[in-house]
């Protein structure tokens, strides 16, 4: 079995909901893959503060081993002024050792995001998350328009990756199309990882 890492940061729960759907797509992909769901701690405004090693609830915090051991990566973040959130960027900034060793090179990766409004910077956030993945030598996987939900969505969904419009309070539920596209993204990364690993899918 190949592990596909679903790595995300979520403040109000919307990105976490998307991560669950991405993981479902990985698990139901028909490929010999399984989802490994991980999150990152918030960044403290007090330099000396550190997060507990294990979160109070939800998935464990990611380690560099989670990245080096994965056969594929799906990265998720809420948008912050058209960019990924600081906690996820902070974690990625600490992966230079993996970059030097080429640990992520030639593995498939994809991205997903949640925004408060329809034009809240979804596509630029997805593109910002792609940049470090390209530096790591990963193969980017998007969502083609052969996915019917991408054509019919009136909310989130882009060819750059899955997206969701969470509303001002950040708690609007995922639409049916958004759920389908999250699952499709997970499925596509899982199948790409299986093909690259020489497994049947």
Protein backbone atom coordinates (compact mmCIF):
# COMPACT_ATOMS: atom_id res chain seq x y z
CA UNK A 1 0.00 0.00 0.00
CA UNK A 2 1.18 3.50 -0.85
CA UNK A 3 0.48 6.34 1.59
CA UNK A 4 -0.90 9.57 0.13
CA UNK A 5 -0.35 12.42 2.56
CA UNK A 6 -3.26 14.85 2.98
CA UNK A 7 -1.58 17.77 4.72
CA UNK A 8 -3.60 20.84 5.63
CA UNK A 9 -4.17 23.76 7.96
CA UNK A 10 -7.70 24.71 9.01
CA UNK A 11 -8.82 27.47 11.34
CA UNK A 12 -12.62 27.22 11.26
CA UNK A 13 -13.04 23.67 9.98
CA UNK A 14 -13.87 24.23 6.31
CA UNK A 15 -10.46 23.12 5.02
CA UNK A 16 -10.60 20.15 7.40
CA UNK A 17 -13.95 19.16 5.85
CA UNK A 18 -12.32 19.28 2.43
CA UNK A 19 -9.41 17.16 3.66
CA UNK A 20 -11.87 14.46 4.75
CA UNK A 21 -13.38 14.37 1.26
CA UNK A 22 -9.94 14.27 -0.39
CA UNK A 23 -9.01 11.36 1.89
CA UNK A 24 -12.24 9.59 0.95
CA UNK A 25 -11.33 9.91 -2.73
CA UNK A 26 -7.90 8.40 -2.03
CA UNK A 27 -9.38 5.49 -0.07
CA UNK A 28 -12.00 4.77 -2.76
CA UNK A 29 -9.66 5.29 -5.75
CA UNK A 30 -9.32 1.63 -6.62
CA UNK A 31 -5.54 2.09 -6.43
CA UNK A 32 -3.41 0.37 -3.80
CA UNK A 33 -3.26 3.55 -1.72
CA UNK A 34 -4.42 4.84 1.63
CA UNK A 35 -4.78 8.35 3.04
CA UNK A 36 -2.49 9.63 5.80
CA UNK A 37 -4.18 12.79 7.13
CA UNK A 38 -2.03 15.33 8.98
CA UNK A 39 -2.33 18.97 10.02
CA UNK A 40 0.05 21.69 11.24
CA UNK A 41 -0.14 23.81 14.41
CA UNK A 42 -0.98 27.50 14.30
CA UNK A 43 1.89 29.99 14.31
CA UNK A 44 2.19 31.80 17.63
CA UNK A 45 2.59 35.56 17.88
CA UNK A 46 4.85 34.88 20.88
CA UNK A 47 8.21 33.65 19.61
CA UNK A 48 8.91 31.43 22.63
CA UNK A 49 5.53 29.65 22.50
CA UNK A 50 5.42 26.13 21.12
CA UNK A 51 2.45 23.92 20.38
CA UNK A 52 1.90 20.63 22.17
CA UNK A 53 3.39 17.72 20.24
CA UNK A 54 -0.06 16.18 19.83
CA UNK A 55 -3.16 18.28 19.04
CA UNK A 56 -6.11 18.12 21.43
CA UNK A 57 -8.35 16.75 18.66
CA UNK A 58 -8.24 15.86 14.98
CA UNK A 59 -5.34 14.36 13.06
CA UNK A 60 -1.74 14.42 14.33
CA UNK A 61 0.66 17.18 13.44
CA UNK A 62 2.77 16.43 10.38
CA UNK A 63 6.44 15.55 10.61
CA UNK A 64 9.10 15.62 7.93
CA UNK A 65 8.94 11.81 7.97
CA UNK A 66 5.31 12.00 6.83
CA UNK A 67 6.53 13.88 3.77
CA UNK A 68 9.52 11.68 3.00
CA UNK A 69 7.47 8.48 3.39
CA UNK A 70 4.51 9.53 1.24
CA UNK A 71 3.99 8.38 -2.35
CA UNK A 72 1.94 11.51 -3.11
CA UNK A 73 0.83 14.73 -1.44
CA UNK A 74 -2.40 16.72 -1.36
CA UNK A 75 -1.89 20.10 0.30
CA UNK A 76 -4.72 22.25 1.66
CA UNK A 77 -5.02 25.72 3.17
CA UNK A 78 -7.53 28.50 3.68
CA UNK A 79 -6.67 31.64 1.77
CA UNK A 80 -4.95 34.58 3.44
CA UNK A 81 -5.05 37.58 1.11
CA UNK A 82 -4.71 35.32 -1.93
CA UNK A 83 -1.94 33.23 -0.40
CA UNK A 84 -1.62 30.09 1.72
CA UNK A 85 -1.96 30.50 5.49
CA UNK A 86 1.18 31.20 7.53
CA UNK A 87 1.16 27.90 9.51
CA UNK A 88 1.35 25.83 6.33
CA UNK A 89 4.00 28.11 4.82
CA UNK A 90 5.99 27.90 8.06
CA UNK A 91 5.95 24.10 7.91
CA UNK A 92 6.97 24.04 4.24
CA UNK A 93 9.79 26.50 4.95
CA UNK A 94 11.32 23.81 7.15
CA UNK A 95 11.58 21.22 4.38
CA UNK A 96 14.89 22.29 2.86
CA UNK A 97 16.51 19.04 3.99
CA UNK A 98 13.96 17.09 1.96
CA UNK A 99 14.65 19.38 -0.99
CA UNK A 100 18.39 18.75 -0.73
CA UNK A 101 17.88 14.98 -0.67
CA UNK A 102 15.22 14.99 -3.40
CA UNK A 103 12.83 13.08 -1.14
CA UNK A 104 9.70 14.49 -2.84
CA UNK A 105 11.03 14.55 -6.39
CA UNK A 106 8.94 12.72 -9.01
CA UNK A 107 5.94 12.24 -6.70
CA UNK A 108 2.44 13.52 -7.61
CA UNK A 109 0.93 16.43 -5.69
CA UNK A 110 -2.24 18.52 -5.72
CA UNK A 111 -3.71 21.45 -3.79
CA UNK A 112 -7.03 22.59 -2.34
CA UNK A 113 -8.31 25.72 -0.61
CA UNK A 114 -11.26 27.35 1.10
CA UNK A 115 -12.19 31.04 0.93
CA UNK A 116 -14.76 33.27 2.59
CA UNK A 117 -16.13 34.59 -0.70
CA UNK A 118 -16.44 33.46 -4.29
CA UNK A 119 -13.73 35.85 -5.48
CA UNK A 120 -11.60 35.61 -2.35
CA UNK A 121 -8.35 34.54 -4.01
CA UNK A 122 -8.94 30.83 -4.56
CA UNK A 123 -6.83 30.45 -7.69
CA UNK A 124 -3.92 32.58 -6.47
CA UNK A 125 -3.88 30.63 -3.20
CA UNK A 126 -3.75 27.34 -5.11
CA UNK A 127 -0.92 28.69 -7.26
CA UNK A 128 0.99 29.86 -4.16
CA UNK A 129 0.84 26.32 -2.76
CA UNK A 130 2.12 24.89 -6.03
CA UNK A 131 5.36 26.88 -5.95
CA UNK A 132 7.18 24.96 -3.20
CA UNK A 133 5.93 21.69 -4.69
CA UNK A 134 7.53 22.60 -8.02
CA UNK A 135 10.78 23.41 -6.22
CA UNK A 136 10.63 19.94 -4.68
CA UNK A 137 10.33 18.43 -8.16
CA UNK A 138 6.80 17.11 -7.70
CA UNK A 139 4.35 16.40 -10.53
CA UNK A 140 1.28 18.63 -10.20
CA UNK A 141 -2.16 17.10 -10.67
CA UNK A 142 -5.17 19.32 -11.36
CA UNK A 143 -8.85 18.84 -12.11
CA UNK A 144 -9.71 18.51 -15.80
CA UNK A 145 -12.99 19.68 -17.27
CA UNK A 146 -13.80 16.04 -17.97
CA UNK A 147 -14.98 16.16 -14.35
CA UNK A 148 -18.67 17.15 -14.83
CA UNK A 149 -18.85 18.84 -11.41
CA UNK A 150 -16.23 21.36 -12.53
CA UNK A 151 -18.52 22.44 -15.36
CA UNK A 152 -21.68 22.61 -13.24
CA UNK A 153 -20.39 24.12 -9.99
CA UNK A 154 -21.78 27.49 -8.92
CA UNK A 155 -19.49 27.67 -5.92
CA UNK A 156 -15.95 26.30 -5.52
CA UNK A 157 -13.98 24.28 -8.04
CA UNK A 158 -11.09 25.18 -10.33
CA UNK A 159 -8.81 23.33 -12.77
CA UNK A 160 -5.91 24.24 -10.45
CA UNK A 161 -7.36 22.18 -7.60
CA UNK A 162 -10.42 21.73 -5.42
CA UNK A 163 -11.89 24.78 -3.70
CA UNK A 164 -14.77 25.75 -1.43
CA UNK A 165 -16.65 28.93 -0.61
CA UNK A 166 -17.07 28.85 3.18
CA UNK A 167 -18.89 32.19 3.60
CA UNK A 168 -18.10 35.07 5.95
CA UNK A 169 -18.45 32.94 9.10
CA UNK A 170 -16.32 30.22 7.52
CA UNK A 171 -18.80 27.42 8.17
CA UNK A 172 -20.93 27.06 5.04
CA UNK A 173 -21.14 23.32 4.27
CA UNK A 174 -19.50 21.87 1.19
CA UNK A 175 -21.80 21.79 -1.81
CA UNK A 176 -22.32 18.49 -3.64
CA UNK A 177 -20.06 19.65 -6.47
CA UNK A 178 -17.33 20.71 -4.03
CA UNK A 179 -17.45 17.30 -2.31
CA UNK A 180 -17.27 15.50 -5.64
CA UNK A 181 -14.30 17.59 -6.80
CA UNK A 182 -12.40 17.04 -3.52
CA UNK A 183 -12.88 13.30 -3.92
CA UNK A 184 -11.88 13.47 -7.58
CA UNK A 185 -8.66 15.28 -6.64
CA UNK A 186 -7.76 12.63 -4.07
CA UNK A 187 -8.57 9.89 -6.55
CA UNK A 188 -6.40 11.44 -9.27
CA UNK A 189 -3.36 11.79 -7.00
CA UNK A 190 -3.80 8.22 -5.69
CA UNK A 191 -3.99 6.79 -9.20
CA UNK A 192 -1.02 8.86 -10.36
CA UNK A 193 1.02 7.61 -7.40
CA UNK A 194 0.06 4.01 -8.18
CA UNK A 195 1.08 4.40 -11.83
CA UNK A 196 4.37 6.07 -10.91
CA UNK A 197 5.00 3.32 -8.35
CA UNK A 198 4.29 0.61 -10.90
CA UNK A 199 1.16 -0.64 -9.13
CA UNK A 200 -2.10 -1.65 -10.77
CA UNK A 201 -4.97 0.80 -10.42
